[in-house]
Protein backbone atom coordinates (compact mmCIF):
# COMPACT_ATOMS: atom_id res chain seq x y z
CA MET A 1 0.00 0.00 0.00
CA ILE A 2 1.22 3.46 -0.90
CA GLU A 3 1.23 6.04 1.89
CA HIS A 4 0.05 9.59 1.10
CA ILE A 5 1.71 12.20 3.29
CA TYR A 6 0.05 15.61 3.22
CA LEU A 7 2.37 18.56 3.84
CA GLN A 8 1.33 21.75 5.60
CA PRO A 9 1.54 25.05 3.69
CA GLY A 10 5.19 26.02 3.42
CA GLU A 11 6.37 22.58 4.58
CA GLN A 12 8.81 20.77 2.29
CA MET A 13 9.28 17.11 1.49
CA PRO A 14 12.31 15.78 3.40
CA GLN A 15 15.62 15.71 1.55
CA MET A 16 16.04 12.34 -0.17
CA LYS A 17 19.26 10.44 -0.88
CA ASP A 18 20.23 9.79 -4.49
CA GLU A 19 19.38 6.11 -4.13
CA ASP A 20 15.91 6.76 -2.64
CA ALA A 21 12.69 6.45 -4.63
CA TRP A 22 10.28 9.35 -4.13
CA LEU A 23 7.32 11.19 -5.63
CA ILE A 24 5.72 14.52 -4.81
CA ILE A 25 2.56 16.20 -6.06
CA GLU A 26 2.59 19.98 -5.70
CA ALA A 27 -0.23 22.46 -6.16
CA SER A 28 0.52 25.23 -8.61
CA GLU A 29 -0.76 28.81 -8.60
CA ASP A 30 -3.01 28.06 -11.59
CA GLY A 31 -4.92 25.35 -9.69
CA GLN A 32 -3.16 22.33 -11.17
CA PHE A 33 -1.34 19.53 -9.33
CA LEU A 34 2.06 18.68 -10.79
CA GLY A 35 3.80 15.41 -10.01
CA THR A 36 7.53 14.70 -10.13
CA GLY A 37 9.49 11.78 -8.83
CA TYR A 38 12.13 9.11 -9.18
CA GLY A 39 11.90 5.34 -8.93
CA PHE A 40 13.37 2.13 -10.26
CA LYS A 41 12.33 -0.33 -12.94
CA ALA A 42 12.40 -4.04 -12.07
CA SER A 43 15.83 -4.19 -13.75
CA GLY A 44 17.16 -1.65 -11.20
CA GLU A 45 17.40 1.12 -13.78
CA GLY A 46 16.44 4.55 -12.41
CA VAL A 47 13.51 6.34 -14.02
CA PHE A 48 12.04 9.81 -13.52
CA TYR A 49 8.34 10.67 -13.23
CA ALA A 50 6.77 13.82 -14.62
CA SER A 51 3.00 14.07 -14.62
CA LEU A 52 1.06 14.53 -17.84
CA PRO A 53 -1.25 17.53 -18.38
CA ALA A 54 -4.30 15.23 -18.36
CA SER A 55 -3.55 14.16 -14.79
CA ASP A 56 -2.67 17.65 -13.50
CA THR A 57 -6.24 19.00 -13.48
CA THR A 58 -7.35 17.80 -10.04
CA LEU A 59 -5.71 16.42 -6.93
CA GLU A 60 -7.66 13.18 -7.33
CA ALA A 61 -6.45 12.71 -10.92
CA ALA A 62 -2.86 13.52 -9.94
CA LEU A 63 -2.95 11.04 -7.04
CA ALA A 64 -4.49 8.32 -9.23
CA ALA A 65 -1.82 8.71 -11.93
CA ALA A 66 1.02 8.90 -9.40
CA THR A 67 -0.26 5.91 -7.43
CA GLU A 68 -0.41 3.82 -10.61
CA TRP A 69 3.15 4.84 -11.58
CA VAL A 70 4.73 4.06 -8.19
CA LYS A 71 3.31 0.52 -7.89
CA ASP A 72 6.26 -1.18 -9.59
CA ARG A 73 8.93 1.44 -8.98
CA GLY A 74 9.90 1.03 -5.33
CA VAL A 75 8.14 4.18 -4.11
CA SER A 76 6.41 3.62 -0.77
CA ARG A 77 4.99 7.10 -0.17
CA ILE A 78 3.70 10.05 -2.13
CA TRP A 79 4.22 13.50 -0.62
CA VAL A 80 1.35 15.90 -1.32
CA GLN A 81 1.38 19.69 -1.15
CA THR A 82 -2.23 20.87 -1.56
CA SER A 83 -1.57 24.61 -1.63
CA PRO A 84 0.92 26.51 -3.80
CA ASP A 85 4.19 27.46 -2.20
CA LEU A 86 4.07 31.27 -2.47
């Protein structure tokens, strides 16, 4: 099961080591939710995540797309920032 960790306004995701898998969804000023991350294929090869515009429209869509991506990539938690960092 993937853990969703909701950050408070102004709070940042903890610093991750280069060998750690991670994913964050961040609210933008235009009301979208942008996802970025890093994980590993089954072969051990590192792979980056960048959300697609179709999944940026709502928090629910962003979480659904991110949750699907992390399943086989060694990511155990998704950090979520629900308000833009001003």
